[in-house]
Amino acid sequence: MPEAHFEVEIKRKTHLFAIDTELANKLTEIAKSREISSEALINVWLKDKIQEQM
């Protein structure tokens, strides 16, 4: 098999955080009602909260 050469540019990192099960369930419920993913909802909320702190 011939050797392959290629470059990979990683632009985004994913970080995982543990959250309480009850909190995750409520978050999922809210995200579904807004028809967005839980991940998207968390990111929006965290960005808003960080902006408030700056």
N, C-alpha and C. Protein backbone atom coordinates (compact mmCIF):
# COMPACT_ATOMS: atom_id res chain seq x y z
N MET A 1 0.85 -1.18 0.00
CA MET A 1 0.00 0.00 0.00
C MET A 1 0.90 1.24 0.00
N PRO A 2 0.63 2.21 -0.88
CA PRO A 2 1.47 3.42 -0.93
C PRO A 2 1.27 4.31 0.29
N GLU A 3 2.33 5.00 0.65
CA GLU A 3 2.27 5.91 1.80
C GLU A 3 1.47 7.15 1.43
N ALA A 4 0.63 7.60 2.34
CA ALA A 4 -0.21 8.78 2.10
C ALA A 4 0.30 9.95 2.94
N HIS A 5 0.28 11.13 2.35
CA HIS A 5 0.68 12.35 3.05
C HIS A 5 -0.48 13.34 3.01
N PHE A 6 -0.80 13.90 4.15
CA PHE A 6 -1.86 14.89 4.21
C PHE A 6 -1.69 15.74 5.45
N GLU A 7 -2.30 16.91 5.43
CA GLU A 7 -2.27 17.81 6.58
C GLU A 7 -3.66 17.88 7.20
N VAL A 8 -3.67 18.00 8.51
CA VAL A 8 -4.93 18.14 9.23
C VAL A 8 -4.86 19.43 10.03
N GLU A 9 -5.86 20.27 9.86
CA GLU A 9 -5.93 21.51 10.62
C GLU A 9 -7.14 21.44 11.54
N ILE A 10 -6.88 21.30 12.82
CA ILE A 10 -7.95 21.22 13.80
C ILE A 10 -8.28 22.64 14.24
N LYS A 11 -9.50 23.06 13.99
CA LYS A 11 -9.90 24.42 14.30
C LYS A 11 -10.72 24.52 15.58
N ARG A 12 -11.25 23.41 16.03
CA ARG A 12 -12.15 23.48 17.16
C ARG A 12 -11.85 22.34 18.13
N LYS A 13 -11.90 22.65 19.41
CA LYS A 13 -11.73 21.63 20.44
C LYS A 13 -13.07 21.42 21.13
N THR A 14 -13.29 20.22 21.60
CA THR A 14 -14.49 19.91 22.35
C THR A 14 -14.09 19.63 23.79
N HIS A 15 -14.80 20.23 24.71
CA HIS A 15 -14.55 20.02 26.13
C HIS A 15 -15.80 19.40 26.74
N LEU A 16 -15.61 18.41 27.56
CA LEU A 16 -16.72 17.72 28.20
C LEU A 16 -16.76 18.08 29.67
N PHE A 17 -17.96 18.40 30.17
CA PHE A 17 -18.15 18.73 31.58
C PHE A 17 -19.27 17.87 32.14
N ALA A 18 -19.08 17.37 33.32
CA ALA A 18 -20.11 16.57 33.98
C ALA A 18 -21.13 17.51 34.61
N ILE A 19 -22.42 17.21 34.42
CA ILE A 19 -23.47 17.98 35.09
C ILE A 19 -24.44 17.02 35.76
N ASP A 20 -25.14 17.53 36.72
CA ASP A 20 -26.12 16.76 37.47
C ASP A 20 -27.20 16.20 36.53
N THR A 21 -27.65 14.98 36.77
CA THR A 21 -28.64 14.33 35.92
C THR A 21 -29.93 15.12 35.84
N GLU A 22 -30.42 15.61 36.96
CA GLU A 22 -31.67 16.38 36.97
C GLU A 22 -31.52 17.66 36.14
N LEU A 23 -30.38 18.32 36.28
CA LEU A 23 -30.11 19.52 35.50
C LEU A 23 -30.05 19.20 34.01
N ALA A 24 -29.40 18.10 33.66
CA ALA A 24 -29.31 17.68 32.25
C ALA A 24 -30.69 17.38 31.67
N ASN A 25 -31.54 16.75 32.46
CA ASN A 25 -32.89 16.44 32.00
C ASN A 25 -33.69 17.72 31.73
N LYS A 26 -33.60 18.68 32.63
CA LYS A 26 -34.31 19.95 32.45
C LYS A 26 -33.77 20.71 31.24
N LEU A 27 -32.47 20.69 31.11
CA LEU A 27 -31.83 21.36 29.98
C LEU A 27 -32.29 20.75 28.65
N THR A 28 -32.34 19.43 28.59
CA THR A 28 -32.78 18.74 27.38
C THR A 28 -34.23 19.09 27.06
N GLU A 29 -35.04 19.16 28.08
CA GLU A 29 -36.46 19.52 27.92
C GLU A 29 -36.61 20.92 27.33
N ILE A 30 -35.86 21.86 27.87
CA ILE A 30 -35.90 23.25 27.38
C ILE A 30 -35.40 23.31 25.94
N ALA A 31 -34.30 22.63 25.66
CA ALA A 31 -33.74 22.63 24.31
C ALA A 31 -34.73 22.06 23.30
N LYS A 32 -35.40 20.98 23.66
CA LYS A 32 -36.40 20.38 22.76
C LYS A 32 -37.54 21.35 22.50
N SER A 33 -37.98 22.06 23.53
CA SER A 33 -39.08 23.00 23.36
C SER A 33 -38.69 24.16 22.44
N ARG A 34 -37.39 24.47 22.39
CA ARG A 34 -36.89 25.55 21.51
C ARG A 34 -36.40 25.02 20.17
N GLU A 35 -36.50 23.71 20.02
CA GLU A 35 -36.08 23.02 18.79
C GLU A 35 -34.62 23.29 18.43
N ILE A 36 -33.77 23.22 19.47
CA ILE A 36 -32.33 23.31 19.26
C ILE A 36 -31.67 22.20 20.07
N SER A 37 -30.41 21.94 19.81
CA SER A 37 -29.71 20.90 20.55
C SER A 37 -29.37 21.40 21.96
N SER A 38 -29.20 20.47 22.86
CA SER A 38 -28.79 20.83 24.23
C SER A 38 -27.44 21.53 24.19
N GLU A 39 -26.55 21.06 23.34
CA GLU A 39 -25.23 21.68 23.20
C GLU A 39 -25.34 23.14 22.78
N ALA A 40 -26.20 23.43 21.81
CA ALA A 40 -26.38 24.81 21.34
C ALA A 40 -26.94 25.68 22.45
N LEU A 41 -27.91 25.17 23.18
CA LEU A 41 -28.51 25.92 24.29
C LEU A 41 -27.47 26.23 25.36
N ILE A 42 -26.69 25.25 25.72
CA ILE A 42 -25.65 25.45 26.73
C ILE A 42 -24.66 26.52 26.28
N ASN A 43 -24.23 26.44 25.03
CA ASN A 43 -23.27 27.42 24.51
C ASN A 43 -23.83 28.83 24.52
N VAL A 44 -25.09 29.00 24.13
CA VAL A 44 -25.72 30.32 24.14
C VAL A 44 -25.79 30.86 25.56
N TRP A 45 -26.25 30.02 26.48
CA TRP A 45 -26.39 30.46 27.86
C TRP A 45 -25.04 30.80 28.49
N LEU A 46 -24.04 29.99 28.22
CA LEU A 46 -22.71 30.26 28.79
C LEU A 46 -22.10 31.53 28.20
N LYS A 47 -22.26 31.74 26.91
CA LYS A 47 -21.75 32.97 26.29
C LYS A 47 -22.41 34.19 26.91
N ASP A 48 -23.74 34.12 27.11
CA ASP A 48 -24.46 35.22 27.74
C ASP A 48 -23.95 35.49 29.16
N LYS A 49 -23.76 34.43 29.91
CA LYS A 49 -23.33 34.56 31.30
C LYS A 49 -21.91 35.13 31.37
N ILE A 50 -21.05 34.69 30.48
CA ILE A 50 -19.68 35.21 30.44
C ILE A 50 -19.67 36.69 30.09
N GLN A 51 -20.51 37.08 29.13
CA GLN A 51 -20.60 38.50 28.75
C GLN A 51 -21.05 39.35 29.94
N GLU A 52 -21.97 38.83 30.74
CA GLU A 52 -22.44 39.57 31.92
C GLU A 52 -21.30 39.81 32.92
N GLN A 53 -20.36 38.87 32.99
CA GLN A 53 -19.28 38.93 33.98
C GLN A 53 -18.12 39.82 33.54
N MET A 54 -18.11 40.23 32.30
CA MET A 54 -16.98 41.02 31.79
C MET A 54 -17.25 42.49 31.86
